[in-house]
Amino acid sequence: MSSARRLLAASVISIQNSCFIYPACQSCLSRLILDSRRYVLYLSSFILLLSSVRFNCLKCGCTGEAEEASYRYRLSLKIADTNDLFDITVFGSCLDPFFGVSAGNLQR
């Protein structure tokens, strides 16, 4: 991948995916897998049903409670200039000004 930056005047033809926010690992920024589990706890004459949603990062192995997960933007677009079509993906906080709020606040 080239590190050179280029400015491209183009039009957005379509948004490629409907999900543009994802739970991200705070260590490596990869997508987290959310795991929802139910636990049954028997206490003398009571039965308690407990639910727990945890996350797991397949890349670095980080785990934790789902409410502690941070969220990031991932917007995949098909754009066109006067000659060509391009598939681009825009990640992270550079989309905060576009949406007017961080991904974490939008998710809440």
N, C-alpha and C. Protein backbone atom coordinates (compact mmCIF):
# COMPACT_ATOMS: atom_id res chain seq x y z
N MET A 1 0.84 -1.16 0.00
CA MET A 1 0.00 0.00 0.00
C MET A 1 0.89 1.23 0.00
N SER A 2 0.59 2.19 -0.84
CA SER A 2 1.36 3.41 -0.95
C SER A 2 1.02 4.36 0.19
N SER A 3 2.02 5.07 0.69
CA SER A 3 1.77 6.04 1.76
C SER A 3 1.50 7.43 1.20
N ALA A 4 1.57 7.59 -0.11
CA ALA A 4 1.30 8.89 -0.72
C ALA A 4 -0.19 9.19 -0.66
N ARG A 5 -0.52 10.46 -0.41
CA ARG A 5 -1.92 10.88 -0.36
C ARG A 5 -2.28 11.55 -1.66
N ARG A 6 -3.50 11.33 -2.07
CA ARG A 6 -4.01 11.96 -3.29
C ARG A 6 -5.41 12.49 -3.02
N LEU A 7 -5.75 13.59 -3.63
CA LEU A 7 -7.08 14.15 -3.53
C LEU A 7 -7.88 13.71 -4.75
N LEU A 8 -9.07 13.20 -4.51
CA LEU A 8 -9.91 12.69 -5.58
C LEU A 8 -11.28 13.36 -5.48
N ALA A 9 -11.69 14.05 -6.53
CA ALA A 9 -13.04 14.62 -6.59
C ALA A 9 -13.93 13.57 -7.23
N ALA A 10 -14.89 13.07 -6.45
CA ALA A 10 -15.72 11.97 -6.93
C ALA A 10 -17.12 12.08 -6.32
N SER A 11 -18.02 11.27 -6.84
CA SER A 11 -19.38 11.19 -6.33
C SER A 11 -19.60 9.82 -5.71
N VAL A 12 -20.35 9.79 -4.61
CA VAL A 12 -20.69 8.51 -3.99
C VAL A 12 -21.83 7.90 -4.80
N ILE A 13 -21.60 6.70 -5.31
CA ILE A 13 -22.60 5.98 -6.08
C ILE A 13 -23.48 5.14 -5.16
N SER A 14 -22.85 4.46 -4.20
CA SER A 14 -23.63 3.64 -3.26
C SER A 14 -22.83 3.39 -1.99
N ILE A 15 -23.57 3.09 -0.93
CA ILE A 15 -22.98 2.63 0.32
C ILE A 15 -23.03 1.11 0.28
N GLN A 16 -21.88 0.47 0.46
CA GLN A 16 -21.77 -0.97 0.22
C GLN A 16 -22.31 -1.84 1.35
N ASN A 17 -22.36 -1.33 2.56
CA ASN A 17 -22.88 -2.15 3.66
C ASN A 17 -23.78 -1.30 4.53
N SER A 18 -24.76 -1.93 5.15
CA SER A 18 -25.71 -1.18 5.97
C SER A 18 -25.19 -0.98 7.39
N CYS A 19 -24.23 -1.77 7.82
CA CYS A 19 -23.68 -1.66 9.17
C CYS A 19 -22.37 -0.87 9.11
N PHE A 20 -22.39 0.37 9.58
CA PHE A 20 -21.21 1.22 9.47
C PHE A 20 -20.55 1.50 10.82
N ILE A 21 -21.02 0.82 11.87
CA ILE A 21 -20.41 0.91 13.19
C ILE A 21 -20.09 -0.51 13.64
N TYR A 22 -18.92 -0.70 14.23
CA TYR A 22 -18.59 -2.03 14.73
C TYR A 22 -17.90 -1.93 16.08
N PRO A 23 -18.10 -2.95 16.94
CA PRO A 23 -17.37 -2.98 18.21
C PRO A 23 -15.91 -3.30 17.92
N ALA A 24 -15.01 -2.47 18.44
CA ALA A 24 -13.59 -2.59 18.10
C ALA A 24 -12.74 -2.88 19.33
N CYS A 25 -11.73 -3.68 19.13
CA CYS A 25 -10.76 -3.98 20.17
C CYS A 25 -9.97 -2.70 20.49
N GLN A 26 -9.81 -2.39 21.75
CA GLN A 26 -9.07 -1.19 22.14
C GLN A 26 -7.57 -1.36 21.93
N SER A 27 -7.11 -2.61 21.83
CA SER A 27 -5.69 -2.86 21.62
C SER A 27 -5.29 -2.82 20.16
N CYS A 28 -6.04 -3.54 19.30
CA CYS A 28 -5.61 -3.68 17.90
C CYS A 28 -6.62 -3.14 16.89
N LEU A 29 -7.76 -2.61 17.34
CA LEU A 29 -8.80 -2.00 16.51
C LEU A 29 -9.54 -2.98 15.60
N SER A 30 -9.34 -4.28 15.78
CA SER A 30 -10.06 -5.28 14.99
C SER A 30 -11.49 -5.42 15.49
N ARG A 31 -12.34 -5.98 14.63
CA ARG A 31 -13.73 -6.22 15.01
C ARG A 31 -13.79 -7.25 16.14
N LEU A 32 -14.64 -6.97 17.13
CA LEU A 32 -14.83 -7.89 18.25
C LEU A 32 -15.99 -8.83 17.97
N ILE A 33 -15.89 -10.03 18.48
CA ILE A 33 -16.97 -11.00 18.43
C ILE A 33 -17.72 -10.90 19.76
N LEU A 34 -19.04 -10.64 19.70
CA LEU A 34 -19.84 -10.56 20.91
C LEU A 34 -20.43 -11.93 21.20
N ASP A 35 -20.37 -12.33 22.45
CA ASP A 35 -20.84 -13.65 22.88
C ASP A 35 -21.87 -13.45 23.98
N SER A 36 -23.11 -13.85 23.71
CA SER A 36 -24.20 -13.71 24.68
C SER A 36 -24.46 -15.07 25.33
N ARG A 37 -24.41 -15.10 26.65
CA ARG A 37 -24.63 -16.35 27.38
C ARG A 37 -25.62 -16.13 28.52
N ARG A 38 -26.34 -17.20 28.83
CA ARG A 38 -27.25 -17.18 29.98
C ARG A 38 -26.77 -18.18 31.01
N TYR A 39 -26.88 -17.77 32.25
CA TYR A 39 -26.48 -18.63 33.36
C TYR A 39 -27.68 -18.85 34.27
N VAL A 40 -27.83 -20.04 34.77
CA VAL A 40 -28.87 -20.35 35.74
C VAL A 40 -28.18 -20.57 37.08
N LEU A 41 -28.62 -19.82 38.08
CA LEU A 41 -28.03 -19.91 39.41
C LEU A 41 -29.11 -20.40 40.38
N TYR A 42 -28.86 -21.51 41.02
CA TYR A 42 -29.81 -22.08 41.97
C TYR A 42 -29.39 -21.70 43.38
N LEU A 43 -30.26 -20.99 44.08
CA LEU A 43 -30.02 -20.61 45.48
C LEU A 43 -31.19 -21.13 46.31
N SER A 44 -30.94 -22.02 47.19
CA SER A 44 -31.95 -22.67 48.06
C SER A 44 -33.33 -22.69 47.42
N SER A 45 -34.14 -21.68 47.60
CA SER A 45 -35.50 -21.71 47.04
C SER A 45 -35.68 -20.75 45.86
N PHE A 46 -34.60 -20.17 45.36
CA PHE A 46 -34.69 -19.23 44.24
C PHE A 46 -33.91 -19.75 43.04
N ILE A 47 -34.40 -19.41 41.88
CA ILE A 47 -33.68 -19.68 40.64
C ILE A 47 -33.45 -18.33 39.97
N LEU A 48 -32.22 -17.99 39.73
CA LEU A 48 -31.88 -16.73 39.08
C LEU A 48 -31.36 -17.01 37.68
N LEU A 49 -31.89 -16.28 36.71
CA LEU A 49 -31.38 -16.34 35.34
C LEU A 49 -30.52 -15.11 35.12
N LEU A 50 -29.27 -15.32 34.81
CA LEU A 50 -28.34 -14.22 34.59
C LEU A 50 -27.90 -14.22 33.14
N SER A 51 -27.86 -13.06 32.56
CA SER A 51 -27.36 -12.93 31.19
C SER A 51 -26.05 -12.16 31.21
N SER A 52 -25.16 -12.57 30.36
CA SER A 52 -23.87 -11.90 30.25
C SER A 52 -23.50 -11.79 28.79
N VAL A 53 -23.12 -10.60 28.38
CA VAL A 53 -22.63 -10.40 27.02
C VAL A 53 -21.18 -9.98 27.13
N ARG A 54 -20.31 -10.78 26.55
CA ARG A 54 -18.88 -10.52 26.60
C ARG A 54 -18.35 -10.38 25.19
N PHE A 55 -17.15 -9.81 25.06
CA PHE A 55 -16.52 -9.72 23.75
C PHE A 55 -15.22 -10.49 23.75
N ASN A 56 -14.82 -10.85 22.53
CA ASN A 56 -13.57 -11.57 22.32
C ASN A 56 -12.94 -11.06 21.03
N CYS A 57 -11.67 -10.73 21.08
CA CYS A 57 -10.94 -10.32 19.88
C CYS A 57 -10.18 -11.54 19.34
N LEU A 58 -10.51 -11.93 18.13
CA LEU A 58 -9.85 -13.09 17.53
C LEU A 58 -8.40 -12.80 17.14
N LYS A 59 -8.07 -11.53 16.95
CA LYS A 59 -6.72 -11.18 16.51
C LYS A 59 -5.72 -11.18 17.67
N CYS A 60 -6.06 -10.49 18.77
CA CYS A 60 -5.08 -10.37 19.86
C CYS A 60 -5.49 -11.10 21.14
N GLY A 61 -6.72 -11.66 21.17
CA GLY A 61 -7.15 -12.43 22.33
C GLY A 61 -7.74 -11.62 23.47
N CYS A 62 -7.90 -10.33 23.30
CA CYS A 62 -8.47 -9.47 24.34
C CYS A 62 -9.93 -9.88 24.61
N THR A 63 -10.34 -9.89 25.89
CA THR A 63 -11.72 -10.22 26.25
C THR A 63 -12.23 -9.21 27.27
N GLY A 64 -13.55 -9.15 27.44
CA GLY A 64 -14.13 -8.26 28.43
C GLY A 64 -15.63 -8.21 28.33
N GLU A 65 -16.24 -7.36 29.13
CA GLU A 65 -17.69 -7.17 29.11
C GLU A 65 -18.08 -6.29 27.93
N ALA A 66 -19.21 -6.61 27.30
CA ALA A 66 -19.63 -5.92 26.08
C ALA A 66 -19.83 -4.42 26.30
N GLU A 67 -20.31 -4.02 27.47
CA GLU A 67 -20.53 -2.58 27.69
C GLU A 67 -19.22 -1.80 27.76
N GLU A 68 -18.09 -2.49 27.90
CA GLU A 68 -16.79 -1.83 27.91
C GLU A 68 -16.19 -1.69 26.50
N ALA A 69 -16.83 -2.28 25.51
CA ALA A 69 -16.29 -2.25 24.14
C ALA A 69 -16.39 -0.83 23.57
N SER A 70 -15.38 -0.45 22.81
CA SER A 70 -15.43 0.82 22.10
C SER A 70 -15.95 0.56 20.69
N TYR A 71 -16.46 1.58 20.05
CA TYR A 71 -17.03 1.43 18.71
C TYR A 71 -16.30 2.34 17.74
N ARG A 72 -16.19 1.87 16.50
CA ARG A 72 -15.54 2.62 15.42
C ARG A 72 -16.42 2.61 14.19
N TYR A 73 -16.19 3.62 13.36
CA TYR A 73 -16.86 3.67 12.06
C TYR A 73 -16.10 2.85 11.04
N ARG A 74 -16.84 2.24 10.13
CA ARG A 74 -16.28 1.56 8.95
C ARG A 74 -17.30 1.74 7.85
N LEU A 75 -17.02 2.64 6.94
CA LEU A 75 -17.96 2.98 5.88
C LEU A 75 -17.37 2.57 4.54
N SER A 76 -18.01 1.61 3.87
CA SER A 76 -17.56 1.14 2.56
C SER A 76 -18.42 1.78 1.48
N LEU A 77 -17.75 2.41 0.53
CA LEU A 77 -18.45 3.18 -0.51
C LEU A 77 -18.01 2.76 -1.90
N LYS A 78 -18.90 2.91 -2.83
CA LYS A 78 -18.54 2.83 -4.25
C LYS A 78 -18.62 4.27 -4.75
N ILE A 79 -17.50 4.76 -5.28
CA ILE A 79 -17.45 6.14 -5.75
C ILE A 79 -17.03 6.16 -7.22
N ALA A 80 -17.33 7.28 -7.87
CA ALA A 80 -16.97 7.42 -9.29
C ALA A 80 -16.44 8.82 -9.53
N ASP A 81 -15.36 8.89 -10.31
CA ASP A 81 -14.93 10.19 -10.83
C ASP A 81 -15.36 10.22 -12.29
N THR A 82 -14.78 11.06 -13.07
CA THR A 82 -15.21 11.17 -14.47
C THR A 82 -14.86 9.95 -15.31
N ASN A 83 -13.88 9.15 -14.89
CA ASN A 83 -13.43 8.02 -15.70
C ASN A 83 -13.57 6.65 -15.07
N ASP A 84 -13.51 6.55 -13.76
CA ASP A 84 -13.38 5.25 -13.11
C ASP A 84 -14.34 5.09 -11.94
N LEU A 85 -14.55 3.81 -11.56
CA LEU A 85 -15.27 3.44 -10.34
C LEU A 85 -14.25 2.93 -9.33
N PHE A 86 -14.46 3.27 -8.07
CA PHE A 86 -13.57 2.83 -7.00
C PHE A 86 -14.39 2.29 -5.84
N ASP A 87 -13.88 1.25 -5.19
CA ASP A 87 -14.42 0.78 -3.92
C ASP A 87 -13.46 1.26 -2.84
N ILE A 88 -13.97 2.06 -1.91
CA ILE A 88 -13.12 2.57 -0.84
C ILE A 88 -13.77 2.26 0.51
N THR A 89 -12.95 2.16 1.53
CA THR A 89 -13.42 1.98 2.90
C THR A 89 -12.76 3.03 3.76
N VAL A 90 -13.58 3.73 4.53
CA VAL A 90 -13.11 4.78 5.43
C VAL A 90 -13.31 4.28 6.86
N PHE A 91 -12.25 4.31 7.67
CA PHE A 91 -12.29 3.81 9.04
C PHE A 91 -12.11 4.93 10.04
N GLY A 92 -12.66 4.74 11.23
CA GLY A 92 -12.26 5.48 12.41
C GLY A 92 -12.85 6.85 12.61
N SER A 93 -12.16 7.62 13.44
CA SER A 93 -12.66 8.90 13.92
C SER A 93 -12.67 10.00 12.87
N CYS A 94 -12.07 9.78 11.70
CA CYS A 94 -12.14 10.80 10.65
C CYS A 94 -13.59 10.98 10.18
N LEU A 95 -14.48 10.03 10.50
CA LEU A 95 -15.89 10.15 10.14
C LEU A 95 -16.72 10.86 11.22
N ASP A 96 -16.12 11.18 12.37
CA ASP A 96 -16.86 11.88 13.42
C ASP A 96 -17.47 13.19 12.93
N PRO A 97 -16.74 14.06 12.21
CA PRO A 97 -17.35 15.30 11.72
C PRO A 97 -18.50 15.05 10.74
N PHE A 98 -18.40 14.00 9.94
CA PHE A 98 -19.46 13.69 8.97
C PHE A 98 -20.76 13.32 9.68
N PHE A 99 -20.67 12.46 10.71
CA PHE A 99 -21.86 12.04 11.45
C PHE A 99 -22.21 13.00 12.58
N GLY A 100 -21.27 13.87 12.96
CA GLY A 100 -21.52 14.84 14.02
C GLY A 100 -21.39 14.29 15.43
N VAL A 101 -20.95 13.05 15.55
CA VAL A 101 -20.81 12.41 16.85
C VAL A 101 -19.86 11.22 16.69
N SER A 102 -19.22 10.83 17.78
CA SER A 102 -18.33 9.67 17.70
C SER A 102 -19.16 8.40 17.52
N ALA A 103 -18.53 7.34 17.05
CA ALA A 103 -19.23 6.06 16.84
C ALA A 103 -19.76 5.51 18.16
N GLY A 104 -19.00 5.67 19.23
CA GLY A 104 -19.45 5.19 20.54
C GLY A 104 -20.70 5.90 21.01
N ASN A 105 -20.77 7.21 20.82
CA ASN A 105 -21.97 7.96 21.21
C ASN A 105 -23.15 7.66 20.30
N LEU A 106 -22.90 7.44 19.02
CA LEU A 106 -23.99 7.09 18.11
C LEU A 106 -24.55 5.71 18.44
N GLN A 107 -23.70 4.79 18.84
CA GLN A 107 -24.13 3.43 19.19
C GLN A 107 -25.05 3.45 20.41
N ARG A 108 -24.80 4.33 21.35
CA ARG A 108 -25.62 4.40 22.57
C ARG A 108 -26.97 4.92 22.21
